Amino acid sequence: MFASPMLSKTAFFVALCLASVSAMSTAGAQTATEIQLSYKDKKFEPAEISAAANTPVVIKLKNLDAKAMEFESKTLKVEKVVAGGGDAIINVRAQKPGRYEFFDEYNEKTARGALVVK
């Protein structure tokens, strides 16, 4: 049984597309840096966290206070309310090197921290 020339060109094109998609998926998949962060007595612990440049970050935040808090960062473009005694996962896109401030919107004067990307 012989394949027609048109069928083999189509099969080649499909195989080329699948190989390209597979290569792009592998290049785009980055392992996120996971960081544990807690909030107690209107303060973040630790107050400064760090991560590698150009790598996504997953912040696992545990609110140990009885009242809700709101994790916010204008530079990281994230905002998340965490109930008292609750947990939250905050996904941060890969960042360039720099210092990215965050705070609790309800207690902005005392509850401040920073993500330092190196």
PDB file of N, CA and C in Angstrom:
ATOM      1  N   MET A   1       0.842  -1.174   0.000  1.00  0.00           N
ATOM      2  CA  MET A   1       0.000   0.000   0.000  1.00  0.00           C
ATOM      3  C   MET A   1       0.888   1.237   0.000  1.00  0.00           C
ATOM      4  N   PHE A   2       0.606   2.163  -0.931  1.00  0.00           N
ATOM      5  CA  PHE A   2       1.401   3.386  -1.072  1.00  0.00           C
ATOM      6  C   PHE A   2       0.568   4.598  -0.649  1.00  0.00           C
ATOM      7  N   ALA A   3       1.172   5.506   0.061  1.00  0.00           N
ATOM      8  CA  ALA A   3       0.498   6.744   0.450  1.00  0.00           C
ATOM      9  C   ALA A   3       0.641   7.744  -0.675  1.00  0.00           C
ATOM     10  N   SER A   4      -0.388   8.543  -0.863  1.00  0.00           N
ATOM     11  CA  SER A   4      -0.321   9.558  -1.902  1.00  0.00           C
ATOM     12  C   SER A   4       0.651  10.652  -1.463  1.00  0.00           C
ATOM     13  N   PRO A   5       1.290  11.377  -2.422  1.00  0.00           N
ATOM     14  CA  PRO A   5       2.216  12.452  -2.051  1.00  0.00           C
ATOM     15  C   PRO A   5       1.543  13.528  -1.215  1.00  0.00           C
ATOM     16  N   MET A   6       0.258  13.825  -1.461  1.00  0.00           N
ATOM     17  CA  MET A   6      -0.462  14.846  -0.699  1.00  0.00           C
ATOM     18  C   MET A   6      -0.642  14.420   0.751  1.00  0.00           C
ATOM     19  N   LEU A   7      -0.965  13.117   0.957  1.00  0.00           N
ATOM     20  CA  LEU A   7      -1.155  12.588   2.302  1.00  0.00           C
ATOM     21  C   LEU A   7       0.147  12.637   3.085  1.00  0.00           C
ATOM     22  N   SER A   8       1.282  12.301   2.463  1.00  0.00           N
ATOM     23  CA  SER A   8       2.549  12.309   3.188  1.00  0.00           C
ATOM     24  C   SER A   8       2.980  13.747   3.528  1.00  0.00           C
ATOM     25  N   LYS A   9       2.654  14.736   2.662  1.00  0.00           N
ATOM     26  CA  LYS A   9       2.956  16.132   2.983  1.00  0.00           C
ATOM     27  C   LYS A   9       2.124  16.573   4.184  1.00  0.00           C
ATOM     28  N   THR A  10       0.854  16.168   4.217  1.00  0.00           N
ATOM     29  CA  THR A  10      -0.023  16.526   5.338  1.00  0.00           C
ATOM     30  C   THR A  10       0.476  15.891   6.628  1.00  0.00           C
ATOM     31  N   ALA A  11       0.849  14.620   6.542  1.00  0.00           N
ATOM     32  CA  ALA A  11       1.349  13.928   7.728  1.00  0.00           C
ATOM     33  C   ALA A  11       2.632  14.593   8.234  1.00  0.00           C
ATOM     34  N   PHE A  12       3.510  14.980   7.311  1.00  0.00           N
ATOM     35  CA  PHE A  12       4.748  15.661   7.697  1.00  0.00           C
ATOM     36  C   PHE A  12       4.435  16.989   8.375  1.00  0.00           C
ATOM     37  N   PHE A  13       3.485  17.761   7.821  1.00  0.00           N
ATOM     38  CA  PHE A  13       3.104  19.060   8.396  1.00  0.00           C
ATOM     39  C   PHE A  13       2.535  18.883   9.806  1.00  0.00           C
ATOM     40  N   VAL A  14       1.665  17.897   9.993  1.00  0.00           N
ATOM     41  CA  VAL A  14       1.079  17.637  11.318  1.00  0.00           C
ATOM     42  C   VAL A  14       2.168  17.258  12.309  1.00  0.00           C
ATOM     43  N   ALA A  15       3.096  16.396  11.906  1.00  0.00           N
ATOM     44  CA  ALA A  15       4.183  15.988  12.794  1.00  0.00           C
ATOM     45  C   ALA A  15       5.050  17.182  13.173  1.00  0.00           C
ATOM     46  N   LEU A  16       5.305  18.073  12.216  1.00  0.00           N
ATOM     47  CA  LEU A  16       6.110  19.275  12.479  1.00  0.00           C
ATOM     48  C   LEU A  16       5.399  20.188  13.483  1.00  0.00           C
ATOM     49  N   CYS A  17       4.088  20.367  13.328  1.00  0.00           N
ATOM     50  CA  CYS A  17       3.309  21.198  14.260  1.00  0.00           C
ATOM     51  C   CYS A  17       3.331  20.610  15.667  1.00  0.00           C
ATOM     52  N   LEU A  18       3.144  19.301  15.784  1.00  0.00           N
ATOM     53  CA  LEU A  18       3.159  18.654  17.102  1.00  0.00           C
ATOM     54  C   LEU A  18       4.513  18.808  17.770  1.00  0.00           C
ATOM     55  N   ALA A  19       5.587  18.679  17.013  1.00  0.00           N
ATOM     56  CA  ALA A  19       6.929  18.841  17.572  1.00  0.00           C
ATOM     57  C   ALA A  19       7.137  20.271  18.052  1.00  0.00           C
ATOM     58  N   SER A  20       6.637  21.260  17.322  1.00  0.00           N
ATOM     59  CA  SER A  20       6.773  22.662  17.713  1.00  0.00           C
ATOM     60  C   SER A  20       6.011  22.945  18.995  1.00  0.00           C
ATOM     61  N   VAL A  21       4.780  22.449  19.099  1.00  0.00           N
ATOM     62  CA  VAL A  21       3.964  22.664  20.304  1.00  0.00           C
ATOM     63  C   VAL A  21       4.637  22.010  21.499  1.00  0.00           C
ATOM     64  N   SER A  22       5.168  20.817  21.318  1.00  0.00           N
ATOM     65  CA  SER A  22       5.843  20.117  22.407  1.00  0.00           C
ATOM     66  C   SER A  22       7.061  20.898  22.875  1.00  0.00           C
ATOM     67  N   ALA A  23       7.840  21.447  21.959  1.00  0.00           N
ATOM     68  CA  ALA A  23       9.029  22.226  22.313  1.00  0.00           C
ATOM     69  C   ALA A  23       8.646  23.497  23.058  1.00  0.00           C
ATOM     70  N   MET A  24       7.572  24.163  22.632  1.00  0.00           N
ATOM     71  CA  MET A  24       7.131  25.391  23.296  1.00  0.00           C
ATOM     72  C   MET A  24       6.637  25.083  24.702  1.00  0.00           C
ATOM     73  N   SER A  25       5.937  23.965  24.886  1.00  0.00           N
ATOM     74  CA  SER A  25       5.437  23.608  26.209  1.00  0.00           C
ATOM     75  C   SER A  25       6.583  23.353  27.167  1.00  0.00           C
ATOM     76  N   THR A  26       7.609  22.679  26.714  1.00  0.00           N
ATOM     77  CA  THR A  26       8.759  22.389  27.555  1.00  0.00           C
ATOM     78  C   THR A  26       9.492  23.666  27.914  1.00  0.00           C
ATOM     79  N   ALA A  27       9.679  24.585  26.966  1.00  0.00           N
ATOM     80  CA  ALA A  27      10.381  25.834  27.227  1.00  0.00           C
ATOM     81  C   ALA A  27       9.585  26.722  28.163  1.00  0.00           C
ATOM     82  N   GLY A  28       8.245  26.708  28.066  1.00  0.00           N
ATOM     83  CA  GLY A  28       7.418  27.582  28.892  1.00  0.00           C
ATOM     84  C   GLY A  28       7.194  27.057  30.301  1.00  0.00           C
ATOM     85  N   ALA A  29       7.407  25.783  30.516  1.00  0.00           N
ATOM     86  CA  ALA A  29       7.179  25.208  31.837  1.00  0.00           C
ATOM     87  C   ALA A  29       8.354  25.534  32.739  1.00  0.00           C
ATOM     88  N   GLN A  30       8.090  26.293  33.781  1.00  0.00           N
ATOM     89  CA  GLN A  30       9.126  26.622  34.742  1.00  0.00           C
ATOM     90  C   GLN A  30       8.651  26.152  36.105  1.00  0.00           C
ATOM     91  N   THR A  31       9.565  25.682  36.871  1.00  0.00           N
ATOM     92  CA  THR A  31       9.240  25.279  38.216  1.00  0.00           C
ATOM     93  C   THR A  31       9.177  26.514  39.090  1.00  0.00           C
ATOM     94  N   ALA A  32       8.065  26.683  39.786  1.00  0.00           N
ATOM     95  CA  ALA A  32       7.884  27.862  40.638  1.00  0.00           C
ATOM     96  C   ALA A  32       8.667  27.712  41.935  1.00  0.00           C
ATOM     97  N   THR A  33       9.123  28.847  42.438  1.00  0.00           N
ATOM     98  CA  THR A  33       9.754  28.884  43.754  1.00  0.00           C
ATOM     99  C   THR A  33       8.640  28.983  44.784  1.00  0.00           C
ATOM    100  N   GLU A  34       8.633  28.073  45.752  1.00  0.00           N
ATOM    101  CA  GLU A  34       7.596  28.061  46.774  1.00  0.00           C
ATOM    102  C   GLU A  34       8.139  28.706  48.045  1.00  0.00           C
ATOM    103  N   ILE A  35       7.394  29.666  48.573  1.00  0.00           N
ATOM    104  CA  ILE A  35       7.830  30.398  49.766  1.00  0.00           C
ATOM    105  C   ILE A  35       6.719  30.343  50.816  1.00  0.00           C
ATOM    106  N   GLN A  36       7.102  29.993  52.047  1.00  0.00           N
ATOM    107  CA  GLN A  36       6.169  29.976  53.175  1.00  0.00           C
ATOM    108  C   GLN A  36       6.224  31.343  53.851  1.00  0.00           C
ATOM    109  N   LEU A  37       5.077  31.917  54.109  1.00  0.00           N
ATOM    110  CA  LEU A  37       4.989  33.228  54.744  1.00  0.00           C
ATOM    111  C   LEU A  37       3.857  33.172  55.753  1.00  0.00           C
ATOM    112  N   SER A  38       4.084  33.746  56.924  1.00  0.00           N
ATOM    113  CA  SER A  38       3.002  33.785  57.907  1.00  0.00           C
ATOM    114  C   SER A  38       2.715  35.229  58.289  1.00  0.00           C
ATOM    115  N   TYR A  39       1.547  35.418  58.875  1.00  0.00           N
ATOM    116  CA  TYR A  39       1.090  36.742  59.289  1.00  0.00           C
ATOM    117  C   TYR A  39       0.585  36.610  60.713  1.00  0.00           C
ATOM    118  N   LYS A  40       1.218  37.363  61.637  1.00  0.00           N
ATOM    119  CA  LYS A  40       0.816  37.282  63.044  1.00  0.00           C
ATOM    120  C   LYS A  40       1.065  38.627  63.700  1.00  0.00           C
ATOM    121  N   ASP A  41       0.163  39.026  64.564  1.00  0.00           N
ATOM    122  CA  ASP A  41       0.262  40.306  65.268  1.00  0.00           C
ATOM    123  C   ASP A  41       0.495  41.456  64.296  1.00  0.00           C
ATOM    124  N   LYS A  42      -0.204  41.410  63.188  1.00  0.00           N
ATOM    125  CA  LYS A  42      -0.163  42.459  62.162  1.00  0.00           C
ATOM    126  C   LYS A  42       1.228  42.639  61.552  1.00  0.00           C
ATOM    127  N   LYS A  43       1.973  41.534  61.441  1.00  0.00           N
ATOM    128  CA  LYS A  43       3.299  41.569  60.811  1.00  0.00           C
ATOM    129  C   LYS A  43       3.518  40.303  59.995  1.00  0.00           C
ATOM    130  N   PHE A  44       4.324  40.425  58.948  1.00  0.00           N
ATOM    131  CA  PHE A  44       4.699  39.273  58.129  1.00  0.00           C
ATOM    132  C   PHE A  44       5.955  38.640  58.716  1.00  0.00           C
ATOM    133  N   GLU A  45       6.027  37.329  58.656  1.00  0.00           N
ATOM    134  CA  GLU A  45       7.200  36.600  59.136  1.00  0.00           C
ATOM    135  C   GLU A  45       7.574  35.559  58.096  1.00  0.00           C
ATOM    136  N   PRO A  46       8.711  35.624  57.452  1.00  0.00           N
ATOM    137  CA  PRO A  46       9.685  36.699  57.538  1.00  0.00           C
ATOM    138  C   PRO A  46       9.191  37.938  56.789  1.00  0.00           C
ATOM    139  N   ALA A  47       9.764  39.075  57.148  1.00  0.00           N
ATOM    140  CA  ALA A  47       9.355  40.334  56.507  1.00  0.00           C
ATOM    141  C   ALA A  47       9.962  40.469  55.119  1.00  0.00           C
ATOM    142  N   GLU A  48      11.052  39.755  54.903  1.00  0.00           N
ATOM    143  CA  GLU A  48      11.674  39.813  53.577  1.00  0.00           C
ATOM    144  C   GLU A  48      11.863  38.395  53.061  1.00  0.00           C
ATOM    145  N   ILE A  49      11.412  38.158  51.853  1.00  0.00           N
ATOM    146  CA  ILE A  49      11.554  36.854  51.213  1.00  0.00           C
ATOM    147  C   ILE A  49      12.292  37.055  49.901  1.00  0.00           C
ATOM    148  N   SER A  50      12.892  35.997  49.368  1.00  0.00           N
ATOM    149  CA  SER A  50      13.649  36.162  48.122  1.00  0.00           C
ATOM    150  C   SER A  50      13.372  35.015  47.164  1.00  0.00           C
ATOM    151  N   ALA A  51      13.624  35.310  45.902  1.00  0.00           N
ATOM    152  CA  ALA A  51      13.413  34.322  44.846  1.00  0.00           C
ATOM    153  C   ALA A  51      14.348  34.640  43.693  1.00  0.00           C
ATOM    154  N   ALA A  52      14.531  33.656  42.841  1.00  0.00           N
ATOM    155  CA  ALA A  52      15.377  33.838  41.663  1.00  0.00           C
ATOM    156  C   ALA A  52      14.620  34.608  40.582  1.00  0.00           C
ATOM    157  N   ALA A  53      15.353  35.363  39.806  1.00  0.00           N
ATOM    158  CA  ALA A  53      14.760  36.126  38.709  1.00  0.00           C
ATOM    159  C   ALA A  53      14.191  35.188  37.648  1.00  0.00           C
ATOM    160  N   ASN A  54      13.190  35.676  36.972  1.00  0.00           N
ATOM    161  CA  ASN A  54      12.569  34.984  35.839  1.00  0.00           C
ATOM    162  C   ASN A  54      12.001  33.614  36.191  1.00  0.00           C
ATOM    163  N   THR A  55      11.579  33.474  37.428  1.00  0.00           N
ATOM    164  CA  THR A  55      10.970  32.232  37.895  1.00  0.00           C
ATOM    165  C   THR A  55       9.669  32.564  38.610  1.00  0.00           C
ATOM    166  N   PRO A  56       8.577  31.891  38.282  1.00  0.00           N
ATOM    167  CA  PRO A  56       7.329  32.155  39.006  1.00  0.00           C
ATOM    168  C   PRO A  56       7.481  31.836  40.488  1.00  0.00           C
ATOM    169  N   VAL A  57       6.688  32.509  41.310  1.00  0.00           N
ATOM    170  CA  VAL A  57       6.750  32.330  42.760  1.00  0.00           C
ATOM    171  C   VAL A  57       5.355  31.953  43.262  1.00  0.00           C
ATOM    172  N   VAL A  58       5.326  31.002  44.164  1.00  0.00           N
ATOM    173  CA  VAL A  58       4.091  30.635  44.853  1.00  0.00           C
ATOM    174  C   VAL A  58       4.297  30.947  46.329  1.00  0.00           C
ATOM    175  N   ILE A  59       3.537  31.906  46.837  1.00  0.00           N
ATOM    176  CA  ILE A  59       3.622  32.267  48.251  1.00  0.00           C
ATOM    177  C   ILE A  59       2.484  31.564  48.968  1.00  0.00           C
ATOM    178  N   LYS A  60       2.859  30.734  49.946  1.00  0.00           N
ATOM    179  CA  LYS A  60       1.855  30.050  50.778  1.00  0.00           C
ATOM    180  C   LYS A  60       1.761  30.842  52.071  1.00  0.00           C
ATOM    181  N   LEU A  61       0.677  31.580  52.192  1.00  0.00           N
ATOM    182  CA  LEU A  61       0.487  32.508  53.299  1.00  0.00           C
ATOM    183  C   LEU A  61      -0.479  31.933  54.326  1.00  0.00           C
ATOM    184  N   LYS A  62      -0.051  31.954  55.588  1.00  0.00           N
ATOM    185  CA  LYS A  62      -0.900  31.484  56.685  1.00  0.00           C
ATOM    186  C   LYS A  62      -1.182  32.670  57.593  1.00  0.00           C
ATOM    187  N   ASN A  63      -2.447  33.014  57.731  1.00  0.00           N
ATOM    188  CA  ASN A  63      -2.852  34.107  58.614  1.00  0.00           C
ATOM    189  C   ASN A  63      -3.098  33.528  60.002  1.00  0.00           C
ATOM    190  N   LEU A  64      -2.198  33.816  60.934  1.00  0.00           N
ATOM    191  CA  LEU A  64      -2.307  33.276  62.291  1.00  0.00           C
ATOM    192  C   LEU A  64      -3.120  34.186  63.213  1.00  0.00           C
ATOM    193  N   ASP A  65      -3.493  35.351  62.729  1.00  0.00           N
ATOM    194  CA  ASP A  65      -4.333  36.256  63.515  1.00  0.00           C
ATOM    195  C   ASP A  65      -5.799  35.833  63.408  1.00  0.00           C
ATOM    196  N   ALA A  66      -6.598  36.329  64.343  1.00  0.00           N
ATOM    197  CA  ALA A  66      -8.029  35.993  64.353  1.00  0.00           C
ATOM    198  C   ALA A  66      -8.811  36.783  63.298  1.00  0.00           C
ATOM    199  N   LYS A  67      -8.283  37.960  62.932  1.00  0.00           N
ATOM    200  CA  LYS A  67      -8.986  38.796  61.956  1.00  0.00           C
ATOM    201  C   LYS A  67      -8.440  38.596  60.546  1.00  0.00           C
ATOM    202  N   ALA A  68      -9.268  38.913  59.579  1.00  0.00           N
ATOM    203  CA  ALA A  68      -8.853  38.812  58.175  1.00  0.00           C
ATOM    204  C   ALA A  68      -7.785  39.850  57.864  1.00  0.00           C
ATOM    205  N   MET A  69      -6.977  39.558  56.874  1.00  0.00           N
ATOM    206  CA  MET A  69      -5.981  40.498  56.377  1.00  0.00           C
ATOM    207  C   MET A  69      -6.051  40.485  54.859  1.00  0.00           C
ATOM    208  N   GLU A  70      -5.476  41.533  54.248  1.00  0.00           N
ATOM    209  CA  GLU A  70      -5.466  41.579  52.791  1.00  0.00           C
ATOM    210  C   GLU A  70      -4.038  41.757  52.306  1.00  0.00           C
ATOM    211  N   PHE A  71      -3.492  40.700  51.716  1.00  0.00           N
ATOM    212  CA  PHE A  71      -2.158  40.761  51.123  1.00  0.00           C
ATOM    213  C   PHE A  71      -2.273  41.549  49.834  1.00  0.00           C
ATOM    214  N   GLU A  72      -1.443  42.593  49.723  1.00  0.00           N
ATOM    215  CA  GLU A  72      -1.512  43.414  48.517  1.00  0.00           C
ATOM    216  C   GLU A  72      -0.132  43.893  48.098  1.00  0.00           C
ATOM    217  N   SER A  73       0.079  43.922  46.795  1.00  0.00           N
ATOM    218  CA  SER A  73       1.302  44.485  46.226  1.00  0.00           C
ATOM    219  C   SER A  73       0.947  45.104  44.882  1.00  0.00           C
ATOM    220  N   LYS A  74       1.190  46.391  44.807  1.00  0.00           N
ATOM    221  CA  LYS A  74       0.907  47.078  43.538  1.00  0.00           C
ATOM    222  C   LYS A  74       1.943  46.695  42.486  1.00  0.00           C
ATOM    223  N   THR A  75       3.200  46.524  42.886  1.00  0.00           N
ATOM    224  CA  THR A  75       4.240  46.199  41.911  1.00  0.00           C
ATOM    225  C   THR A  75       4.136  44.755  41.421  1.00  0.00           C
ATOM    226  N   LEU A  76       3.670  43.862  42.294  1.00  0.00           N
ATOM    227  CA  LEU A  76       3.495  42.467  41.871  1.00  0.00           C
ATOM    228  C   LEU A  76       2.124  42.236  41.247  1.00  0.00           C
ATOM    229  N   LYS A  77       1.261  43.244  41.410  1.00  0.00           N
ATOM    230  CA  LYS A  77      -0.094  43.177  40.862  1.00  0.00           C
ATOM    231  C   LYS A  77      -0.877  42.003  41.434  1.00  0.00           C
ATOM    232  N   VAL A  78      -0.836  41.882  42.773  1.00  0.00           N
ATOM    233  CA  VAL A  78      -1.617  40.854  43.450  1.00  0.00           C
ATOM    234  C   VAL A  78      -2.373  41.475  44.615  1.00  0.00           C
ATOM    235  N   GLU A  79      -3.485  40.853  44.933  1.00  0.00           N
ATOM    236  CA  GLU A  79      -4.332  41.306  46.022  1.00  0.00           C
ATOM    237  C   GLU A  79      -5.176  40.112  46.445  1.00  0.00           C
ATOM    238  N   LYS A  80      -5.118  39.781  47.747  1.00  0.00           N
ATOM    239  CA  LYS A  80      -5.872  38.609  48.192  1.00  0.00           C
ATOM    240  C   LYS A  80      -6.258  38.772  49.657  1.00  0.00           C
ATOM    241  N   VAL A  81      -7.523  38.584  49.948  1.00  0.00           N
ATOM    242  CA  VAL A  81      -8.017  38.617  51.320  1.00  0.00           C
ATOM    243  C   VAL A  81      -7.876  37.214  51.905  1.00  0.00           C
ATOM    244  N   VAL A  82      -7.329  37.157  53.136  1.00  0.00           N
ATOM    245  CA  VAL A  82      -7.151  35.880  53.819  1.00  0.00           C
ATOM    246  C   VAL A  82      -7.904  35.959  55.150  1.00  0.00           C
ATOM    247  N   ALA A  83      -8.826  35.059  55.349  1.00  0.00           N
ATOM    248  CA  ALA A  83      -9.627  35.038  56.572  1.00  0.00           C
ATOM    249  C   ALA A  83      -8.750  34.776  57.791  1.00  0.00           C
ATOM    250  N   GLY A  84      -9.202  35.230  58.953  1.00  0.00           N
ATOM    251  CA  GLY A  84      -8.485  34.949  60.189  1.00  0.00           C
ATOM    252  C   GLY A  84      -8.326  33.449  60.385  1.00  0.00           C
ATOM    253  N   GLY A  85      -7.095  33.011  60.665  1.00  0.00           N
ATOM    254  CA  GLY A  85      -6.822  31.587  60.823  1.00  0.00           C
ATOM    255  C   GLY A  85      -6.800  30.815  59.524  1.00  0.00           C
ATOM    256  N   GLY A  86      -6.864  31.514  58.409  1.00  0.00           N
ATOM    257  CA  GLY A  86      -6.932  30.852  57.107  1.00  0.00           C
ATOM    258  C   GLY A  86      -5.606  30.810  56.361  1.00  0.00           C
ATOM    259  N   ASP A  87      -5.611  30.096  55.273  1.00  0.00           N
ATOM    260  CA  ASP A  87      -4.447  29.964  54.392  1.00  0.00           C
ATOM    261  C   ASP A  87      -4.799  30.491  53.014  1.00  0.00           C
ATOM    262  N   ALA A  88      -3.776  30.889  52.288  1.00  0.00           N
ATOM    263  CA  ALA A  88      -3.976  31.327  50.905  1.00  0.00           C
ATOM    264  C   ALA A  88      -2.737  30.995  50.080  1.00  0.00           C
ATOM    265  N   ILE A  89      -2.965  30.796  48.829  1.00  0.00           N
ATOM    266  CA  ILE A  89      -1.863  30.606  47.881  1.00  0.00           C
ATOM    267  C   ILE A  89      -1.877  31.796  46.944  1.00  0.00           C
ATOM    268  N   ILE A  90      -0.729  32.460  46.856  1.00  0.00           N
ATOM    269  CA  ILE A  90      -0.610  33.651  46.026  1.00  0.00           C
ATOM    270  C   ILE A  90       0.396  33.354  44.917  1.00  0.00           C
ATOM    271  N   ASN A  91      -0.088  33.354  43.704  1.00  0.00           N
ATOM    272  CA  ASN A  91       0.779  33.086  42.554  1.00  0.00           C
ATOM    273  C   ASN A  91       1.318  34.398  42.010  1.00  0.00           C
ATOM    274  N   VAL A  92       2.626  34.450  41.860  1.00  0.00           N
ATOM    275  CA  VAL A  92       3.295  35.648  41.360  1.00  0.00           C
ATOM    276  C   VAL A  92       4.025  35.274  40.075  1.00  0.00           C
ATOM    277  N   ARG A  93       3.824  36.083  39.071  1.00  0.00           N
ATOM    278  CA  ARG A  93       4.517  35.839  37.799  1.00  0.00           C
ATOM    279  C   ARG A  93       6.023  35.991  37.962  1.00  0.00           C
ATOM    280  N   ALA A  94       6.771  35.412  37.041  1.00  0.00           N
ATOM    281  CA  ALA A  94       8.221  35.574  37.036  1.00  0.00           C
ATOM    282  C   ALA A  94       8.549  37.059  36.944  1.00  0.00           C
ATOM    283  N   GLN A  95       9.508  37.486  37.751  1.00  0.00           N
ATOM    284  CA  GLN A  95       9.861  38.907  37.829  1.00  0.00           C
ATOM    285  C   GLN A  95      11.322  39.129  37.457  1.00  0.00           C
ATOM    286  N   LYS A  96      11.623  40.351  37.082  1.00  0.00           N
ATOM    287  CA  LYS A  96      13.003  40.763  36.853  1.00  0.00           C
ATOM    288  C   LYS A  96      13.631  41.052  38.211  1.00  0.00           C
ATOM    289  N   PRO A  97      14.967  41.087  38.291  1.00  0.00           N
ATOM    290  CA  PRO A  97      15.595  41.414  39.572  1.00  0.00           C
ATOM    291  C   PRO A  97      15.088  42.759  40.101  1.00  0.00           C
ATOM    292  N   GLY A  98      14.895  42.798  41.408  1.00  0.00           N
ATOM    293  CA  GLY A  98      14.411  44.028  42.034  1.00  0.00           C
ATOM    294  C   GLY A  98      13.767  43.747  43.376  1.00  0.00           C
ATOM    295  N   ARG A  99      13.259  44.807  43.983  1.00  0.00           N
ATOM    296  CA  ARG A  99      12.607  44.701  45.288  1.00  0.00           C
ATOM    297  C   ARG A  99      11.122  45.033  45.091  1.00  0.00           C
ATOM    298  N   TYR A 100      10.269  44.124  45.507  1.00  0.00           N
ATOM    299  CA  TYR A 100       8.831  44.266  45.305  1.00  0.00           C
ATOM    300  C   TYR A 100       8.154  44.290  46.681  1.00  0.00           C
ATOM    301  N   GLU A 101       7.638  45.448  47.041  1.00  0.00           N
ATOM    302  CA  GLU A 101       7.015  45.636  48.352  1.00  0.00           C
ATOM    303  C   GLU A 101       5.610  45.026  48.381  1.00  0.00           C
ATOM    304  N   PHE A 102       5.237  44.498  49.562  1.00  0.00           N
ATOM    305  CA  PHE A 102       3.865  44.059  49.783  1.00  0.00           C
ATOM    306  C   PHE A 102       3.446  44.488  51.180  1.00  0.00           C
ATOM    307  N   PHE A 103       2.148  44.471  51.455  1.00  0.00           N
ATOM    308  CA  PHE A 103       1.629  44.929  52.743  1.00  0.00           C
ATOM    309  C   PHE A 103       0.238  44.357  52.978  1.00  0.00           C
ATOM    310  N   ASP A 104      -0.218  44.521  54.224  1.00  0.00           N
ATOM    311  CA  ASP A 104      -1.600  44.185  54.560  1.00  0.00           C
ATOM    312  C   ASP A 104      -2.382  45.478  54.440  1.00  0.00           C
ATOM    313  N   GLU A 105      -3.328  45.503  53.564  1.00  0.00           N
ATOM    314  CA  GLU A 105      -4.062  46.740  53.328  1.00  0.00           C
ATOM    315  C   GLU A 105      -4.798  47.233  54.578  1.00  0.00           C
ATOM    316  N   TYR A 106      -5.181  46.317  55.469  1.00  0.00           N
ATOM    317  CA  TYR A 106      -5.899  46.727  56.681  1.00  0.00           C
ATOM    318  C   TYR A 106      -4.964  47.298  57.746  1.00  0.00           C
ATOM    319  N   ASN A 107      -3.683  46.980  57.665  1.00  0.00           N
ATOM    320  CA  ASN A 107      -2.700  47.453  58.654  1.00  0.00           C
ATOM    321  C   ASN A 107      -1.426  47.873  57.920  1.00  0.00           C
ATOM    322  N   GLU A 108      -1.573  48.768  56.990  1.00  0.00           N
ATOM    323  CA  GLU A 108      -0.480  49.121  56.087  1.00  0.00           C
ATOM    324  C   GLU A 108       0.757  49.692  56.783  1.00  0.00           C
ATOM    325  N   LYS A 109       0.567  50.379  57.912  1.00  0.00           N
ATOM    326  CA  LYS A 109       1.716  51.000  58.582  1.00  0.00           C
ATOM    327  C   LYS A 109       2.628  49.982  59.257  1.00  0.00           C
ATOM    328  N   THR A 110       2.061  48.901  59.801  1.00  0.00           N
ATOM    329  CA  THR A 110       2.882  47.928  60.530  1.00  0.00           C
ATOM    330  C   THR A 110       3.160  46.653  59.738  1.00  0.00           C
ATOM    331  N   ALA A 111       2.261  46.270  58.896  1.00  0.00           N
ATOM    332  CA  ALA A 111       2.391  44.999  58.177  1.00  0.00           C
ATOM    333  C   ALA A 111       2.944  45.227  56.782  1.00  0.00           C
ATOM    334  N   ARG A 112       4.272  45.232  56.712  1.00  0.00           N
ATOM    335  CA  ARG A 112       4.935  45.479  55.433  1.00  0.00           C
ATOM    336  C   ARG A 112       6.005  44.412  55.215  1.00  0.00           C
ATOM    337  N   GLY A 113       6.261  44.094  53.957  1.00  0.00           N
ATOM    338  CA  GLY A 113       7.292  43.132  53.626  1.00  0.00           C
ATOM    339  C   GLY A 113       7.765  43.359  52.208  1.00  0.00           C
ATOM    340  N   ALA A 114       8.711  42.519  51.789  1.00  0.00           N
ATOM    341  CA  ALA A 114       9.259  42.675  50.434  1.00  0.00           C
ATOM    342  C   ALA A 114       9.690  41.331  49.876  1.00  0.00           C
ATOM    343  N   LEU A 115       9.491  41.196  48.586  1.00  0.00           N
ATOM    344  CA  LEU A 115      10.025  40.066  47.827  1.00  0.00           C
ATOM    345  C   LEU A 115      11.232  40.607  47.073  1.00  0.00           C
ATOM    346  N   VAL A 116      12.407  40.052  47.379  1.00  0.00           N
ATOM    347  CA  VAL A 116      13.628  40.484  46.704  1.00  0.00           C
ATOM    348  C   VAL A 116      13.950  39.442  45.639  1.00  0.00           C
ATOM    349  N   VAL A 117      13.949  39.864  44.401  1.00  0.00           N
ATOM    350  CA  VAL A 117      14.226  38.973  43.282  1.00  0.00           C
ATOM    351  C   VAL A 117      15.665  39.232  42.827  1.00  0.00           C
ATOM    352  N   LYS A 118      16.458  38.155  42.831  1.00  0.00           N
ATOM    353  CA  LYS A 118      17.896  38.278  42.503  1.00  0.00           C
ATOM    354  C   LYS A 118      18.222  37.614  41.190  1.00  0.00           C
TER     355      LYS A 118
END
